Amino acid sequence: MNESVVNPPRLGALEAQVMDVLWDHGPVNIREVIAHLPTNPAYTTIATVLTNLDRKHMVEVMRRGRSTRYAARFSRQEHAAQIMEHVLDASRDRAASILHFVESMPEDDLDLLRDYLERRENGKES
């Protein structure tokens, strides 16, 4: 199993905001990240955050000449699934944790899960 799935990186508040920008807007440069943030952080602050996210294997760095763009390596949903997988692995009783989680799900989510499992069982995964 991929290490990022086994132990997904923890994101600080600003890192999470930057990842939200990448997930919502696709590949962007540093100035575009700053433009989409609710605050106006320094250019060097965002450059450092993106370097840290690259070190954590969360972003892909695309260099073309003097231009550098950053993109998320995983979708927001894939990242959430990695975190859920990590939590289940750490729970020591995976089955009990899954069942407890399902018991706490709202009816709309249960319907979504039932529909998915039915499609999967019938060979119509999507």
N, C-alpha and C. Protein backbone atom coordinates (compact mmCIF):
# COMPACT_ATOMS: atom_id res chain seq x y z
N MET A 1 0.82 -1.18 0.00
CA MET A 1 0.00 0.00 0.00
C MET A 1 0.87 1.25 0.00
N ASN A 2 0.46 2.25 -0.74
CA ASN A 2 1.16 3.52 -0.87
C ASN A 2 1.26 4.20 0.49
N GLU A 3 2.42 4.74 0.84
CA GLU A 3 2.62 5.39 2.14
C GLU A 3 1.65 6.54 2.35
N SER A 4 1.31 7.29 1.28
CA SER A 4 0.39 8.41 1.46
C SER A 4 -1.00 7.92 1.83
N VAL A 5 -1.33 6.66 1.49
CA VAL A 5 -2.61 6.10 1.88
C VAL A 5 -2.51 5.61 3.32
N VAL A 6 -1.39 4.98 3.68
CA VAL A 6 -1.20 4.46 5.02
C VAL A 6 -1.17 5.60 6.03
N ASN A 7 -0.47 6.66 5.72
CA ASN A 7 -0.35 7.77 6.64
C ASN A 7 -0.48 9.09 5.87
N PRO A 8 -1.72 9.51 5.57
CA PRO A 8 -1.87 10.75 4.79
C PRO A 8 -1.31 11.93 5.57
N PRO A 9 -0.73 12.89 4.87
CA PRO A 9 -0.13 14.03 5.58
C PRO A 9 -1.17 14.88 6.28
N ARG A 10 -0.79 15.39 7.43
CA ARG A 10 -1.64 16.35 8.13
C ARG A 10 -1.42 17.70 7.49
N LEU A 11 -2.50 18.41 7.31
CA LEU A 11 -2.41 19.73 6.69
C LEU A 11 -2.70 20.81 7.71
N GLY A 12 -1.85 21.82 7.72
CA GLY A 12 -2.12 23.00 8.54
C GLY A 12 -3.25 23.79 7.91
N ALA A 13 -3.71 24.81 8.62
CA ALA A 13 -4.85 25.60 8.15
C ALA A 13 -4.57 26.26 6.80
N LEU A 14 -3.40 26.88 6.64
CA LEU A 14 -3.08 27.53 5.37
C LEU A 14 -2.85 26.49 4.27
N GLU A 15 -2.23 25.37 4.61
CA GLU A 15 -2.05 24.30 3.63
C GLU A 15 -3.41 23.81 3.12
N ALA A 16 -4.36 23.66 4.03
CA ALA A 16 -5.70 23.21 3.63
C ALA A 16 -6.37 24.25 2.72
N GLN A 17 -6.19 25.53 3.02
CA GLN A 17 -6.76 26.57 2.17
C GLN A 17 -6.13 26.54 0.78
N VAL A 18 -4.82 26.34 0.72
CA VAL A 18 -4.14 26.29 -0.57
C VAL A 18 -4.61 25.06 -1.35
N MET A 19 -4.75 23.91 -0.68
CA MET A 19 -5.26 22.72 -1.36
C MET A 19 -6.67 22.95 -1.88
N ASP A 20 -7.50 23.66 -1.12
CA ASP A 20 -8.85 23.98 -1.60
C ASP A 20 -8.79 24.79 -2.89
N VAL A 21 -7.86 25.74 -2.96
CA VAL A 21 -7.69 26.52 -4.19
C VAL A 21 -7.31 25.60 -5.35
N LEU A 22 -6.35 24.70 -5.12
CA LEU A 22 -5.93 23.79 -6.19
C LEU A 22 -7.07 22.87 -6.61
N TRP A 23 -7.82 22.36 -5.64
CA TRP A 23 -8.95 21.48 -5.97
C TRP A 23 -10.06 22.23 -6.70
N ASP A 24 -10.29 23.47 -6.33
CA ASP A 24 -11.39 24.23 -6.93
C ASP A 24 -11.03 24.87 -8.26
N HIS A 25 -9.73 25.17 -8.49
CA HIS A 25 -9.35 25.95 -9.67
C HIS A 25 -8.35 25.26 -10.59
N GLY A 26 -7.88 24.08 -10.24
CA GLY A 26 -6.92 23.39 -11.09
C GLY A 26 -5.54 24.02 -10.98
N PRO A 27 -4.66 23.70 -11.94
CA PRO A 27 -3.28 24.21 -11.89
C PRO A 27 -3.24 25.74 -11.86
N VAL A 28 -2.47 26.25 -10.90
CA VAL A 28 -2.36 27.70 -10.72
C VAL A 28 -0.93 28.07 -10.34
N ASN A 29 -0.60 29.34 -10.54
CA ASN A 29 0.70 29.82 -10.07
C ASN A 29 0.51 30.44 -8.68
N ILE A 30 1.58 30.89 -8.09
CA ILE A 30 1.52 31.41 -6.72
C ILE A 30 0.61 32.64 -6.63
N ARG A 31 0.72 33.53 -7.57
CA ARG A 31 -0.12 34.74 -7.53
C ARG A 31 -1.60 34.39 -7.64
N GLU A 32 -1.92 33.40 -8.44
CA GLU A 32 -3.33 32.97 -8.57
C GLU A 32 -3.82 32.34 -7.26
N VAL A 33 -2.95 31.57 -6.58
CA VAL A 33 -3.33 31.02 -5.28
C VAL A 33 -3.68 32.17 -4.34
N ILE A 34 -2.81 33.16 -4.26
CA ILE A 34 -3.03 34.30 -3.37
C ILE A 34 -4.34 35.00 -3.69
N ALA A 35 -4.64 35.16 -4.97
CA ALA A 35 -5.87 35.85 -5.38
C ALA A 35 -7.13 35.11 -4.92
N HIS A 36 -7.05 33.80 -4.78
CA HIS A 36 -8.21 33.00 -4.39
C HIS A 36 -8.34 32.80 -2.89
N LEU A 37 -7.36 33.24 -2.12
CA LEU A 37 -7.41 33.06 -0.67
C LEU A 37 -8.20 34.19 -0.01
N PRO A 38 -8.83 33.90 1.13
CA PRO A 38 -9.61 34.93 1.81
C PRO A 38 -8.74 36.02 2.45
N THR A 39 -7.47 35.71 2.69
CA THR A 39 -6.54 36.69 3.24
C THR A 39 -5.55 37.06 2.14
N ASN A 40 -4.61 37.92 2.44
CA ASN A 40 -3.61 38.33 1.44
C ASN A 40 -2.22 37.99 1.96
N PRO A 41 -1.87 36.69 2.00
CA PRO A 41 -0.55 36.31 2.51
C PRO A 41 0.56 36.74 1.57
N ALA A 42 1.75 36.81 2.12
CA ALA A 42 2.93 37.17 1.32
C ALA A 42 3.22 36.10 0.28
N TYR A 43 3.77 36.53 -0.83
CA TYR A 43 4.16 35.62 -1.91
C TYR A 43 5.07 34.52 -1.37
N THR A 44 6.05 34.92 -0.55
CA THR A 44 7.01 33.94 -0.02
C THR A 44 6.34 32.94 0.92
N THR A 45 5.30 33.37 1.61
CA THR A 45 4.56 32.46 2.50
C THR A 45 3.91 31.36 1.67
N ILE A 46 3.25 31.72 0.58
CA ILE A 46 2.57 30.73 -0.26
C ILE A 46 3.59 29.87 -0.98
N ALA A 47 4.71 30.46 -1.39
CA ALA A 47 5.78 29.65 -2.01
C ALA A 47 6.27 28.59 -1.03
N THR A 48 6.42 28.95 0.23
CA THR A 48 6.85 27.99 1.26
C THR A 48 5.80 26.93 1.48
N VAL A 49 4.53 27.33 1.55
CA VAL A 49 3.44 26.36 1.74
C VAL A 49 3.42 25.37 0.58
N LEU A 50 3.57 25.84 -0.64
CA LEU A 50 3.56 24.94 -1.80
C LEU A 50 4.78 24.02 -1.80
N THR A 51 5.92 24.52 -1.35
CA THR A 51 7.11 23.66 -1.21
C THR A 51 6.84 22.56 -0.19
N ASN A 52 6.21 22.93 0.93
CA ASN A 52 5.87 21.93 1.95
C ASN A 52 4.86 20.92 1.41
N LEU A 53 3.87 21.38 0.65
CA LEU A 53 2.88 20.46 0.08
C LEU A 53 3.53 19.53 -0.95
N ASP A 54 4.53 20.03 -1.67
CA ASP A 54 5.27 19.18 -2.60
C ASP A 54 6.06 18.12 -1.82
N ARG A 55 6.69 18.52 -0.73
CA ARG A 55 7.43 17.57 0.11
C ARG A 55 6.50 16.50 0.67
N LYS A 56 5.25 16.87 0.93
CA LYS A 56 4.25 15.92 1.44
C LYS A 56 3.56 15.14 0.32
N HIS A 57 4.02 15.34 -0.92
CA HIS A 57 3.49 14.65 -2.10
C HIS A 57 2.01 14.97 -2.35
N MET A 58 1.62 16.19 -2.00
CA MET A 58 0.24 16.61 -2.21
C MET A 58 0.07 17.39 -3.51
N VAL A 59 1.16 18.00 -3.99
CA VAL A 59 1.06 18.80 -5.21
C VAL A 59 2.05 18.31 -6.26
N GLU A 60 1.71 18.61 -7.49
CA GLU A 60 2.61 18.37 -8.62
C GLU A 60 3.10 19.74 -9.06
N VAL A 61 4.41 19.85 -9.23
CA VAL A 61 5.02 21.12 -9.66
C VAL A 61 5.31 21.00 -11.15
N MET A 62 4.78 21.95 -11.91
CA MET A 62 4.95 21.95 -13.37
C MET A 62 5.72 23.19 -13.77
N ARG A 63 6.95 23.00 -14.21
CA ARG A 63 7.79 24.14 -14.61
C ARG A 63 7.86 24.20 -16.12
N ARG A 64 7.69 25.40 -16.62
CA ARG A 64 7.81 25.63 -18.06
C ARG A 64 8.50 26.97 -18.23
N GLY A 65 9.77 26.90 -18.57
CA GLY A 65 10.56 28.12 -18.65
C GLY A 65 10.65 28.75 -17.26
N ARG A 66 10.27 30.01 -17.16
CA ARG A 66 10.31 30.70 -15.87
C ARG A 66 8.99 30.60 -15.12
N SER A 67 8.02 29.95 -15.73
CA SER A 67 6.69 29.84 -15.14
C SER A 67 6.57 28.52 -14.36
N THR A 68 5.98 28.60 -13.18
CA THR A 68 5.75 27.41 -12.36
C THR A 68 4.28 27.38 -11.96
N ARG A 69 3.64 26.24 -12.21
CA ARG A 69 2.24 26.04 -11.82
C ARG A 69 2.19 24.84 -10.89
N TYR A 70 1.18 24.84 -10.06
CA TYR A 70 1.00 23.79 -9.06
C TYR A 70 -0.38 23.18 -9.23
N ALA A 71 -0.44 21.86 -9.11
CA ALA A 71 -1.71 21.14 -9.21
C ALA A 71 -1.78 20.09 -8.11
N ALA A 72 -2.97 19.76 -7.69
CA ALA A 72 -3.17 18.73 -6.68
C ALA A 72 -2.85 17.36 -7.30
N ARG A 73 -2.15 16.51 -6.55
CA ARG A 73 -1.85 15.15 -7.00
C ARG A 73 -3.06 14.23 -6.85
N PHE A 74 -3.93 14.56 -5.91
CA PHE A 74 -5.12 13.74 -5.64
C PHE A 74 -6.33 14.65 -5.64
N SER A 75 -7.48 14.10 -6.01
CA SER A 75 -8.71 14.87 -5.89
C SER A 75 -9.05 15.03 -4.41
N ARG A 76 -9.91 15.97 -4.12
CA ARG A 76 -10.38 16.17 -2.75
C ARG A 76 -10.99 14.88 -2.21
N GLN A 77 -11.73 14.17 -3.05
CA GLN A 77 -12.39 12.93 -2.65
C GLN A 77 -11.38 11.82 -2.38
N GLU A 78 -10.34 11.74 -3.21
CA GLU A 78 -9.29 10.74 -2.98
C GLU A 78 -8.56 11.03 -1.67
N HIS A 79 -8.31 12.29 -1.39
CA HIS A 79 -7.64 12.65 -0.15
C HIS A 79 -8.51 12.28 1.06
N ALA A 80 -9.80 12.58 0.97
CA ALA A 80 -10.72 12.22 2.06
C ALA A 80 -10.75 10.70 2.25
N ALA A 81 -10.76 9.95 1.16
CA ALA A 81 -10.76 8.48 1.25
C ALA A 81 -9.48 7.98 1.89
N GLN A 82 -8.33 8.61 1.59
CA GLN A 82 -7.06 8.22 2.21
C GLN A 82 -7.11 8.45 3.72
N ILE A 83 -7.70 9.56 4.12
CA ILE A 83 -7.81 9.85 5.55
C ILE A 83 -8.73 8.83 6.22
N MET A 84 -9.84 8.51 5.57
CA MET A 84 -10.77 7.52 6.13
C MET A 84 -10.10 6.15 6.25
N GLU A 85 -9.34 5.77 5.25
CA GLU A 85 -8.62 4.50 5.28
C GLU A 85 -7.63 4.46 6.44
N HIS A 86 -6.93 5.56 6.63
CA HIS A 86 -5.96 5.65 7.73
C HIS A 86 -6.67 5.52 9.08
N VAL A 87 -7.78 6.21 9.24
CA VAL A 87 -8.53 6.16 10.49
C VAL A 87 -9.03 4.74 10.74
N LEU A 88 -9.53 4.07 9.72
CA LEU A 88 -10.00 2.69 9.89
C LEU A 88 -8.85 1.77 10.28
N ASP A 89 -7.70 1.93 9.65
CA ASP A 89 -6.54 1.11 9.99
C ASP A 89 -6.10 1.33 11.43
N ALA A 90 -6.21 2.57 11.89
CA ALA A 90 -5.76 2.91 13.24
C ALA A 90 -6.77 2.53 14.32
N SER A 91 -7.98 2.18 13.93
CA SER A 91 -9.05 1.96 14.90
C SER A 91 -8.91 0.66 15.69
N ARG A 92 -8.12 -0.27 15.22
CA ARG A 92 -7.90 -1.58 15.83
C ARG A 92 -9.08 -2.53 15.69
N ASP A 93 -10.25 -2.02 15.35
CA ASP A 93 -11.40 -2.87 15.07
C ASP A 93 -12.13 -2.27 13.88
N ARG A 94 -11.59 -2.57 12.71
CA ARG A 94 -12.08 -1.99 11.46
C ARG A 94 -13.57 -2.23 11.27
N ALA A 95 -14.02 -3.47 11.47
CA ALA A 95 -15.43 -3.80 11.25
C ALA A 95 -16.33 -3.00 12.18
N ALA A 96 -15.98 -2.93 13.45
CA ALA A 96 -16.79 -2.18 14.41
C ALA A 96 -16.82 -0.70 14.04
N SER A 97 -15.70 -0.16 13.60
CA SER A 97 -15.64 1.25 13.23
C SER A 97 -16.51 1.52 12.01
N ILE A 98 -16.43 0.65 11.02
CA ILE A 98 -17.26 0.81 9.82
C ILE A 98 -18.74 0.76 10.20
N LEU A 99 -19.11 -0.24 10.99
CA LEU A 99 -20.51 -0.39 11.37
C LEU A 99 -21.00 0.79 12.20
N HIS A 100 -20.16 1.28 13.10
CA HIS A 100 -20.54 2.45 13.90
C HIS A 100 -20.73 3.66 13.00
N PHE A 101 -19.83 3.84 12.04
CA PHE A 101 -19.94 4.95 11.11
C PHE A 101 -21.23 4.86 10.30
N VAL A 102 -21.52 3.66 9.77
CA VAL A 102 -22.72 3.47 8.96
C VAL A 102 -23.97 3.75 9.80
N GLU A 103 -23.95 3.32 11.05
CA GLU A 103 -25.09 3.57 11.95
C GLU A 103 -25.34 5.07 12.14
N SER A 104 -24.30 5.87 12.05
CA SER A 104 -24.44 7.31 12.29
C SER A 104 -24.74 8.10 11.01
N MET A 105 -24.78 7.41 9.87
CA MET A 105 -24.99 8.09 8.59
C MET A 105 -26.44 8.55 8.43
N PRO A 106 -26.64 9.73 7.84
CA PRO A 106 -28.00 10.17 7.54
C PRO A 106 -28.62 9.28 6.45
N GLU A 107 -29.91 9.26 6.41
CA GLU A 107 -30.64 8.38 5.48
C GLU A 107 -30.24 8.61 4.02
N ASP A 108 -30.01 9.87 3.62
CA ASP A 108 -29.61 10.16 2.24
C ASP A 108 -28.28 9.48 1.89
N ASP A 109 -27.34 9.49 2.84
CA ASP A 109 -26.06 8.83 2.60
C ASP A 109 -26.23 7.32 2.56
N LEU A 110 -27.11 6.79 3.40
CA LEU A 110 -27.37 5.34 3.37
C LEU A 110 -27.99 4.94 2.03
N ASP A 111 -28.89 5.76 1.51
CA ASP A 111 -29.48 5.48 0.20
C ASP A 111 -28.41 5.48 -0.89
N LEU A 112 -27.49 6.43 -0.82
CA LEU A 112 -26.39 6.49 -1.78
C LEU A 112 -25.54 5.22 -1.70
N LEU A 113 -25.23 4.80 -0.48
CA LEU A 113 -24.43 3.59 -0.27
C LEU A 113 -25.18 2.35 -0.76
N ARG A 114 -26.46 2.25 -0.45
CA ARG A 114 -27.26 1.11 -0.93
C ARG A 114 -27.28 1.05 -2.46
N ASP A 115 -27.52 2.20 -3.09
CA ASP A 115 -27.56 2.26 -4.55
C ASP A 115 -26.22 1.83 -5.15
N TYR A 116 -25.13 2.32 -4.57
CA TYR A 116 -23.80 1.96 -5.06
C TYR A 116 -23.56 0.46 -4.92
N LEU A 117 -23.87 -0.09 -3.76
CA LEU A 117 -23.64 -1.52 -3.53
C LEU A 117 -24.50 -2.38 -4.45
N GLU A 118 -25.72 -1.94 -4.71
CA GLU A 118 -26.59 -2.68 -5.64
C GLU A 118 -26.02 -2.65 -7.05
N ARG A 119 -25.58 -1.47 -7.50
CA ARG A 119 -24.97 -1.37 -8.84
C ARG A 119 -23.71 -2.23 -8.92
N ARG A 120 -22.90 -2.20 -7.88
CA ARG A 120 -21.66 -2.98 -7.83
C ARG A 120 -21.97 -4.47 -7.90
N GLU A 121 -22.97 -4.89 -7.13
CA GLU A 121 -23.37 -6.30 -7.13
C GLU A 121 -23.87 -6.75 -8.49
N ASN A 122 -24.52 -5.84 -9.20
CA ASN A 122 -25.05 -6.16 -10.53
C ASN A 122 -24.05 -5.91 -11.64
N GLY A 123 -22.80 -5.58 -11.27
CA GLY A 123 -21.75 -5.38 -12.27
C GLY A 123 -21.84 -4.06 -12.99
N LYS A 124 -22.51 -3.08 -12.42
CA LYS A 124 -22.68 -1.78 -13.06
C LYS A 124 -22.04 -0.70 -12.23
N GLU A 125 -20.78 -0.90 -11.84
CA GLU A 125 -20.06 0.09 -11.02
C GLU A 125 -19.96 1.40 -11.75
N SER A 126 -20.21 2.49 -11.02
CA SER A 126 -19.98 3.83 -11.58
C SER A 126 -19.95 4.85 -10.49
